[in-house]
N, C-alpha and C. Protein backbone atom coordinates (compact mmCIF):
# COMPACT_ATOMS: atom_id res chain seq x y z
N UNK A 1 -12.52 2.04 -11.75
CA UNK A 1 -12.73 2.97 -10.63
C UNK A 1 -14.10 3.72 -10.88
N UNK A 2 -14.45 3.94 -12.07
CA UNK A 2 -15.74 4.52 -12.35
C UNK A 2 -16.84 3.64 -11.75
N UNK A 3 -16.78 2.35 -11.94
CA UNK A 3 -17.78 1.44 -11.35
C UNK A 3 -17.90 1.60 -9.87
N UNK A 4 -16.73 1.60 -9.18
CA UNK A 4 -16.67 1.67 -7.75
C UNK A 4 -17.19 3.03 -7.25
N UNK A 5 -16.76 4.12 -7.97
CA UNK A 5 -17.35 5.46 -7.66
C UNK A 5 -18.87 5.56 -7.81
N UNK A 6 -19.35 4.92 -8.88
CA UNK A 6 -20.71 4.94 -9.25
C UNK A 6 -21.55 4.18 -8.19
N UNK A 7 -21.03 2.99 -7.87
CA UNK A 7 -21.75 2.21 -6.80
C UNK A 7 -21.74 2.99 -5.44
N UNK A 8 -20.58 3.61 -5.08
CA UNK A 8 -20.59 4.39 -3.87
C UNK A 8 -21.53 5.51 -3.84
N UNK A 9 -21.60 6.25 -4.94
CA UNK A 9 -22.58 7.39 -5.00
C UNK A 9 -23.95 6.97 -4.93
N UNK A 10 -24.35 5.82 -5.56
CA UNK A 10 -25.70 5.33 -5.46
C UNK A 10 -25.95 4.86 -4.11
N UNK A 11 -24.95 4.24 -3.45
CA UNK A 11 -25.17 3.73 -2.04
C UNK A 11 -25.36 4.94 -1.12
N UNK A 12 -24.64 6.00 -1.30
CA UNK A 12 -24.77 7.21 -0.51
C UNK A 12 -26.20 7.71 -0.60
N UNK A 13 -26.78 7.81 -1.78
CA UNK A 13 -28.12 8.31 -1.99
C UNK A 13 -29.13 7.40 -1.33
N UNK A 14 -28.99 6.06 -1.54
CA UNK A 14 -29.89 5.10 -0.99
C UNK A 14 -29.83 5.16 0.56
N UNK A 15 -28.63 5.27 1.08
CA UNK A 15 -28.40 5.34 2.52
C UNK A 15 -29.08 6.52 3.11
N UNK A 16 -28.98 7.71 2.45
CA UNK A 16 -29.65 8.92 2.89
C UNK A 16 -31.11 8.73 2.96
N UNK A 17 -31.66 8.07 1.92
CA UNK A 17 -33.15 7.84 1.99
C UNK A 17 -33.55 6.88 3.01
N UNK A 18 -32.78 5.76 3.16
CA UNK A 18 -33.13 4.70 4.16
C UNK A 18 -32.94 5.24 5.56
N UNK A 19 -31.97 6.07 5.81
CA UNK A 19 -31.59 6.53 7.14
C UNK A 19 -32.80 7.14 7.93
N UNK A 20 -33.65 7.82 7.08
CA UNK A 20 -34.86 8.40 7.75
C UNK A 20 -35.84 7.33 8.18
N UNK A 21 -35.96 6.29 7.45
CA UNK A 21 -37.02 5.30 7.72
C UNK A 21 -36.47 4.15 8.52
N UNK A 22 -35.34 3.62 8.12
CA UNK A 22 -34.82 2.39 8.72
C UNK A 22 -33.27 2.57 8.89
N UNK A 23 -32.83 3.22 9.85
CA UNK A 23 -31.32 3.41 10.02
C UNK A 23 -30.57 2.07 10.03
N UNK A 24 -31.11 1.13 10.62
CA UNK A 24 -30.40 -0.25 10.64
C UNK A 24 -30.13 -0.79 9.27
N UNK A 25 -31.06 -0.59 8.43
CA UNK A 25 -30.89 -1.11 7.06
C UNK A 25 -29.92 -0.26 6.30
N UNK A 26 -29.96 1.06 6.63
CA UNK A 26 -28.95 2.00 5.98
C UNK A 26 -27.45 1.50 6.27
N UNK A 27 -27.31 1.22 7.56
CA UNK A 27 -25.94 0.77 7.87
C UNK A 27 -25.64 -0.63 7.22
N UNK A 28 -26.66 -1.53 7.26
CA UNK A 28 -26.32 -2.83 6.59
C UNK A 28 -26.06 -2.68 5.12
N UNK A 29 -26.71 -1.72 4.45
CA UNK A 29 -26.42 -1.34 3.06
C UNK A 29 -25.01 -1.03 2.85
N UNK A 30 -24.59 -0.10 3.78
CA UNK A 30 -23.13 0.46 3.60
C UNK A 30 -22.20 -0.68 3.85
N UNK A 31 -22.53 -1.52 4.84
CA UNK A 31 -21.63 -2.72 5.13
C UNK A 31 -21.54 -3.63 3.95
N UNK A 32 -22.75 -3.94 3.41
CA UNK A 32 -22.78 -4.84 2.29
C UNK A 32 -22.05 -4.34 1.10
N UNK A 33 -22.26 -3.10 0.76
CA UNK A 33 -21.58 -2.52 -0.42
C UNK A 33 -20.05 -2.37 -0.15
N UNK A 34 -19.72 -2.06 1.07
CA UNK A 34 -18.18 -2.01 1.40
C UNK A 34 -17.61 -3.32 1.17
N UNK A 35 -18.22 -4.38 1.58
CA UNK A 35 -17.64 -5.74 1.46
C UNK A 35 -17.66 -6.17 0.01
N UNK A 36 -18.73 -5.80 -0.78
CA UNK A 36 -18.79 -5.95 -2.17
C UNK A 36 -17.67 -5.37 -2.93
N UNK A 37 -17.36 -4.08 -2.55
CA UNK A 37 -16.19 -3.42 -3.29
C UNK A 37 -14.91 -4.12 -2.95
N UNK A 38 -14.69 -4.57 -1.72
CA UNK A 38 -13.55 -5.38 -1.28
C UNK A 38 -13.43 -6.61 -2.10
N UNK A 39 -14.56 -7.33 -2.22
CA UNK A 39 -14.54 -8.57 -2.97
C UNK A 39 -14.27 -8.30 -4.58
N UNK A 40 -14.70 -7.14 -4.98
CA UNK A 40 -14.56 -6.82 -6.37
C UNK A 40 -12.99 -6.59 -6.59
N UNK A 41 -12.25 -6.15 -5.61
CA UNK A 41 -10.89 -5.86 -5.76
C UNK A 41 -10.03 -7.06 -5.44
N UNK A 42 -10.50 -8.16 -4.94
CA UNK A 42 -9.76 -9.37 -4.67
C UNK A 42 -8.78 -9.87 -5.84
N UNK A 43 -9.36 -9.90 -7.04
CA UNK A 43 -8.48 -10.27 -8.07
C UNK A 43 -7.33 -9.40 -8.34
N UNK A 44 -7.55 -8.10 -8.27
CA UNK A 44 -6.47 -7.11 -8.41
C UNK A 44 -5.45 -7.29 -7.29
N UNK A 45 -5.77 -7.51 -6.05
CA UNK A 45 -4.97 -7.75 -4.92
C UNK A 45 -4.17 -9.04 -5.22
N UNK A 46 -4.74 -10.10 -5.63
CA UNK A 46 -3.99 -11.33 -5.93
C UNK A 46 -2.96 -11.10 -7.01
N UNK A 47 -3.32 -10.38 -8.04
CA UNK A 47 -2.30 -10.09 -9.07
C UNK A 47 -1.19 -9.25 -8.54
N UNK A 48 -1.37 -8.37 -7.70
CA UNK A 48 -0.28 -7.52 -7.15
C UNK A 48 0.59 -8.34 -6.20
N UNK A 49 -0.02 -9.19 -5.44
CA UNK A 49 0.82 -10.08 -4.53
C UNK A 49 1.68 -11.02 -5.40
N UNK A 50 1.06 -11.58 -6.42
CA UNK A 50 1.77 -12.53 -7.30
C UNK A 50 2.94 -11.71 -8.01
N UNK A 51 2.71 -10.56 -8.40
CA UNK A 51 3.75 -9.79 -9.07
C UNK A 51 4.94 -9.44 -8.05
N UNK A 52 4.61 -9.07 -6.95
CA UNK A 52 5.63 -8.80 -5.83
C UNK A 52 6.43 -9.94 -5.56
N UNK A 53 5.73 -11.13 -5.35
CA UNK A 53 6.52 -12.41 -5.20
C UNK A 53 7.39 -12.75 -6.24
N UNK A 54 6.92 -12.59 -7.52
CA UNK A 54 7.81 -12.82 -8.63
C UNK A 54 9.04 -12.00 -8.69
N UNK A 55 8.88 -10.70 -8.34
CA UNK A 55 10.03 -9.77 -8.30
C UNK A 55 11.03 -10.15 -7.27
N UNK A 56 10.48 -10.64 -6.10
CA UNK A 56 11.31 -10.90 -4.97
C UNK A 56 12.04 -12.31 -5.36
N UNK A 57 11.48 -13.18 -6.07
CA UNK A 57 12.07 -14.41 -6.42
C UNK A 57 13.19 -14.12 -7.39
N UNK A 58 12.96 -13.24 -8.30
CA UNK A 58 13.94 -12.89 -9.38
C UNK A 58 15.20 -12.08 -8.70
N UNK A 59 14.89 -11.44 -7.61
CA UNK A 59 15.96 -10.67 -6.93
C UNK A 59 16.62 -11.52 -5.85
N UNK A 60 16.22 -12.78 -5.72
CA UNK A 60 16.81 -13.73 -4.70
C UNK A 60 16.60 -13.12 -3.30
N UNK A 61 15.44 -12.54 -3.01
CA UNK A 61 15.13 -12.06 -1.67
C UNK A 61 14.47 -13.17 -0.91
N UNK A 62 14.85 -13.32 0.41
CA UNK A 62 14.24 -14.32 1.21
C UNK A 62 12.73 -14.17 1.30
N UNK A 63 12.02 -15.15 0.82
CA UNK A 63 10.59 -15.07 0.70
C UNK A 63 9.93 -14.93 2.13
N UNK A 64 10.62 -15.36 3.21
CA UNK A 64 9.88 -15.17 4.45
C UNK A 64 9.75 -13.72 4.76
N UNK A 65 10.61 -12.89 4.41
CA UNK A 65 10.59 -11.47 4.59
C UNK A 65 9.46 -10.78 3.70
N UNK A 66 9.40 -11.24 2.46
CA UNK A 66 8.39 -10.70 1.62
C UNK A 66 7.05 -11.07 2.12
N UNK A 67 6.82 -12.28 2.47
CA UNK A 67 5.58 -12.75 2.97
C UNK A 67 5.16 -12.01 4.20
N UNK A 68 6.14 -11.78 5.06
CA UNK A 68 5.80 -10.99 6.31
C UNK A 68 5.44 -9.57 5.96
N UNK A 69 6.06 -8.99 5.02
CA UNK A 69 5.70 -7.61 4.64
C UNK A 69 4.30 -7.65 4.05
N UNK A 70 4.02 -8.54 3.21
CA UNK A 70 2.62 -8.71 2.62
C UNK A 70 1.60 -8.91 3.65
N UNK A 71 1.87 -9.65 4.69
CA UNK A 71 0.99 -9.92 5.76
C UNK A 71 0.78 -8.58 6.62
N UNK A 72 1.83 -7.79 6.77
CA UNK A 72 1.74 -6.56 7.46
C UNK A 72 0.86 -5.62 6.63
N UNK A 73 1.03 -5.54 5.40
CA UNK A 73 0.19 -4.64 4.56
C UNK A 73 -1.24 -5.15 4.65
N UNK A 74 -1.53 -6.39 4.66
CA UNK A 74 -2.83 -7.05 4.71
C UNK A 74 -3.48 -6.62 6.10
N UNK A 75 -2.66 -6.78 7.17
CA UNK A 75 -3.30 -6.37 8.44
C UNK A 75 -3.64 -4.84 8.47
N UNK A 76 -2.78 -4.07 7.93
CA UNK A 76 -3.06 -2.64 7.81
C UNK A 76 -4.44 -2.31 7.15
N UNK A 77 -4.59 -2.91 5.94
CA UNK A 77 -5.79 -2.78 5.14
C UNK A 77 -6.99 -3.22 5.91
N UNK A 78 -6.91 -4.49 6.54
CA UNK A 78 -8.02 -4.98 7.17
C UNK A 78 -8.39 -4.21 8.39
N UNK A 79 -7.43 -3.74 9.13
CA UNK A 79 -7.66 -2.97 10.34
C UNK A 79 -8.32 -1.61 9.92
N UNK A 80 -7.87 -0.99 8.82
CA UNK A 80 -8.53 0.20 8.39
C UNK A 80 -9.90 0.02 7.93
N UNK A 81 -10.16 -1.08 7.21
CA UNK A 81 -11.48 -1.38 6.79
C UNK A 81 -12.43 -1.51 7.93
N UNK A 82 -12.04 -2.44 8.93
CA UNK A 82 -12.82 -2.67 10.10
C UNK A 82 -13.09 -1.41 10.93
N UNK A 83 -12.04 -0.55 10.99
CA UNK A 83 -12.14 0.66 11.80
C UNK A 83 -13.14 1.61 11.08
N UNK A 84 -13.09 1.70 9.77
CA UNK A 84 -14.08 2.62 9.15
C UNK A 84 -15.48 2.12 9.28
N UNK A 85 -15.65 0.82 9.17
CA UNK A 85 -17.02 0.24 9.36
C UNK A 85 -17.54 0.50 10.77
N UNK A 86 -16.63 0.33 11.75
CA UNK A 86 -17.14 0.59 13.14
C UNK A 86 -17.37 2.12 13.32
N UNK A 87 -16.64 2.89 12.63
CA UNK A 87 -16.95 4.38 12.81
C UNK A 87 -18.31 4.72 12.10
N UNK A 88 -18.54 4.03 10.92
CA UNK A 88 -19.83 4.24 10.31
C UNK A 88 -20.97 3.78 11.20
N UNK A 89 -20.70 2.80 12.05
CA UNK A 89 -21.83 2.39 12.98
C UNK A 89 -21.84 3.20 14.24
N UNK A 90 -21.06 4.27 14.25
CA UNK A 90 -21.15 5.09 15.39
C UNK A 90 -20.33 4.75 16.54
N UNK A 91 -19.43 3.83 16.39
CA UNK A 91 -18.60 3.19 17.50
C UNK A 91 -17.17 3.61 17.41
N UNK A 92 -16.99 4.96 17.55
CA UNK A 92 -15.61 5.50 17.49
C UNK A 92 -14.57 4.87 18.46
N UNK A 93 -15.05 4.59 19.65
CA UNK A 93 -14.19 4.04 20.61
C UNK A 93 -13.65 2.61 20.29
N UNK A 94 -14.64 1.84 19.72
CA UNK A 94 -14.25 0.49 19.24
C UNK A 94 -13.37 0.60 17.99
N UNK A 95 -13.64 1.57 17.22
CA UNK A 95 -12.82 1.75 15.94
C UNK A 95 -11.39 2.02 16.40
N UNK A 96 -11.17 2.81 17.44
CA UNK A 96 -9.82 3.08 17.95
C UNK A 96 -9.15 1.90 18.44
N UNK A 97 -9.94 0.97 19.14
CA UNK A 97 -9.36 -0.28 19.61
C UNK A 97 -8.87 -1.18 18.53
N UNK A 98 -9.74 -1.24 17.43
CA UNK A 98 -9.37 -2.01 16.26
C UNK A 98 -8.07 -1.46 15.61
N UNK A 99 -7.91 -0.11 15.53
CA UNK A 99 -6.72 0.44 15.01
C UNK A 99 -5.52 0.13 15.86
N UNK A 100 -5.67 0.20 17.20
CA UNK A 100 -4.58 -0.21 18.14
C UNK A 100 -4.19 -1.62 17.91
N UNK A 101 -5.12 -2.49 17.90
CA UNK A 101 -4.85 -3.91 17.67
C UNK A 101 -4.08 -4.24 16.38
N UNK A 102 -4.49 -3.45 15.30
CA UNK A 102 -3.81 -3.59 14.08
C UNK A 102 -2.35 -3.12 14.17
N UNK A 103 -2.14 -2.01 14.86
CA UNK A 103 -0.75 -1.55 15.05
C UNK A 103 0.12 -2.41 15.83
N UNK A 104 -0.48 -3.07 16.87
CA UNK A 104 0.32 -3.96 17.70
C UNK A 104 0.71 -5.23 16.98
N UNK A 105 -0.34 -5.83 16.12
CA UNK A 105 -0.05 -6.90 15.37
C UNK A 105 1.06 -6.67 14.34
N UNK A 106 0.94 -5.46 13.67
CA UNK A 106 2.00 -5.07 12.75
C UNK A 106 3.33 -5.01 13.44
N UNK A 107 3.40 -4.41 14.60
CA UNK A 107 4.68 -4.36 15.30
C UNK A 107 5.27 -5.76 15.58
N UNK A 108 4.33 -6.59 16.06
CA UNK A 108 4.87 -7.96 16.41
C UNK A 108 5.40 -8.70 15.18
N UNK A 109 4.73 -8.43 14.08
CA UNK A 109 5.23 -9.14 12.85
C UNK A 109 6.44 -8.51 12.25
N UNK A 110 6.63 -7.26 12.61
CA UNK A 110 7.80 -6.59 12.03
C UNK A 110 9.14 -6.88 12.90
N UNK A 111 9.03 -7.40 13.98
CA UNK A 111 10.19 -7.64 14.86
C UNK A 111 11.27 -8.39 14.19
N UNK A 112 11.06 -9.55 13.43
CA UNK A 112 12.04 -10.26 12.79
C UNK A 112 12.78 -9.48 11.73
N UNK A 113 12.10 -8.59 11.02
CA UNK A 113 12.65 -7.82 10.00
C UNK A 113 13.50 -6.70 10.67
N UNK A 114 13.02 -6.03 11.79
CA UNK A 114 13.77 -5.06 12.48
C UNK A 114 15.08 -5.68 13.06
N UNK A 115 14.98 -6.95 13.58
CA UNK A 115 16.01 -7.51 14.10
C UNK A 115 17.16 -7.77 13.08
N UNK A 116 16.77 -8.24 11.91
CA UNK A 116 17.72 -8.38 10.78
C UNK A 116 18.29 -7.17 10.41
N UNK A 117 17.52 -6.11 10.27
CA UNK A 117 18.00 -4.77 9.97
C UNK A 117 19.08 -4.26 10.97
N UNK A 118 18.85 -4.39 12.15
CA UNK A 118 19.69 -3.96 13.26
C UNK A 118 21.03 -4.85 13.21
N UNK A 119 20.86 -6.11 12.99
CA UNK A 119 22.09 -6.97 12.93
C UNK A 119 22.97 -6.63 11.74
N UNK A 120 22.31 -6.28 10.68
CA UNK A 120 23.00 -5.93 9.39
C UNK A 120 23.81 -4.57 9.59
N UNK A 121 23.16 -3.63 10.27
CA UNK A 121 23.87 -2.39 10.51
C UNK A 121 24.99 -2.56 11.53
N UNK A 122 24.81 -3.39 12.49
CA UNK A 122 25.84 -3.63 13.54
C UNK A 122 26.99 -4.30 12.84
N UNK A 123 26.70 -5.27 11.92
CA UNK A 123 27.86 -6.00 11.19
C UNK A 123 28.66 -5.13 10.31
N UNK A 124 28.07 -3.98 9.87
CA UNK A 124 28.83 -3.06 9.04
C UNK A 124 29.65 -2.04 9.76
N UNK A 125 29.43 -1.97 11.12
CA UNK A 125 30.19 -1.10 11.97
C UNK A 125 31.58 -1.74 12.18
N UNK A 126 32.65 -1.11 11.87
CA UNK A 126 33.95 -1.71 12.10
C UNK A 126 34.27 -1.91 13.68
N UNK A 127 34.80 -3.07 13.92
CA UNK A 127 35.06 -3.32 15.37
C UNK A 127 36.48 -3.00 15.57
N UNK A 128 36.91 -2.66 16.87
CA UNK A 128 38.19 -2.26 17.16
C UNK A 128 39.11 -3.38 17.38
């Protein structure tokens, strides 16, 4: 975390200096460093996904649901990252559209899980 914080602080200072002379380069620097931080974390993300899948397999959970939940989490993170980048570029309206698209995709992917949950609850209700 110290490495990421250090890189972010250095980027902020460089961006402040560049913004006066070359605002386009300042934004590109922020974009580049943001992507670099994301790539730096890819190994950690892979390990977390592997661990979650292992736990699900040991618990005999249907892997389709686990994979769907992991995809939903991925969509949320990607939508947030893209939204923040577009906000940094001064495109707040576009950032709102990216967030809306992420929410709609999450809802669409969650429908099978919601359907199973509702069916499970209905099956627990005693019938007359």
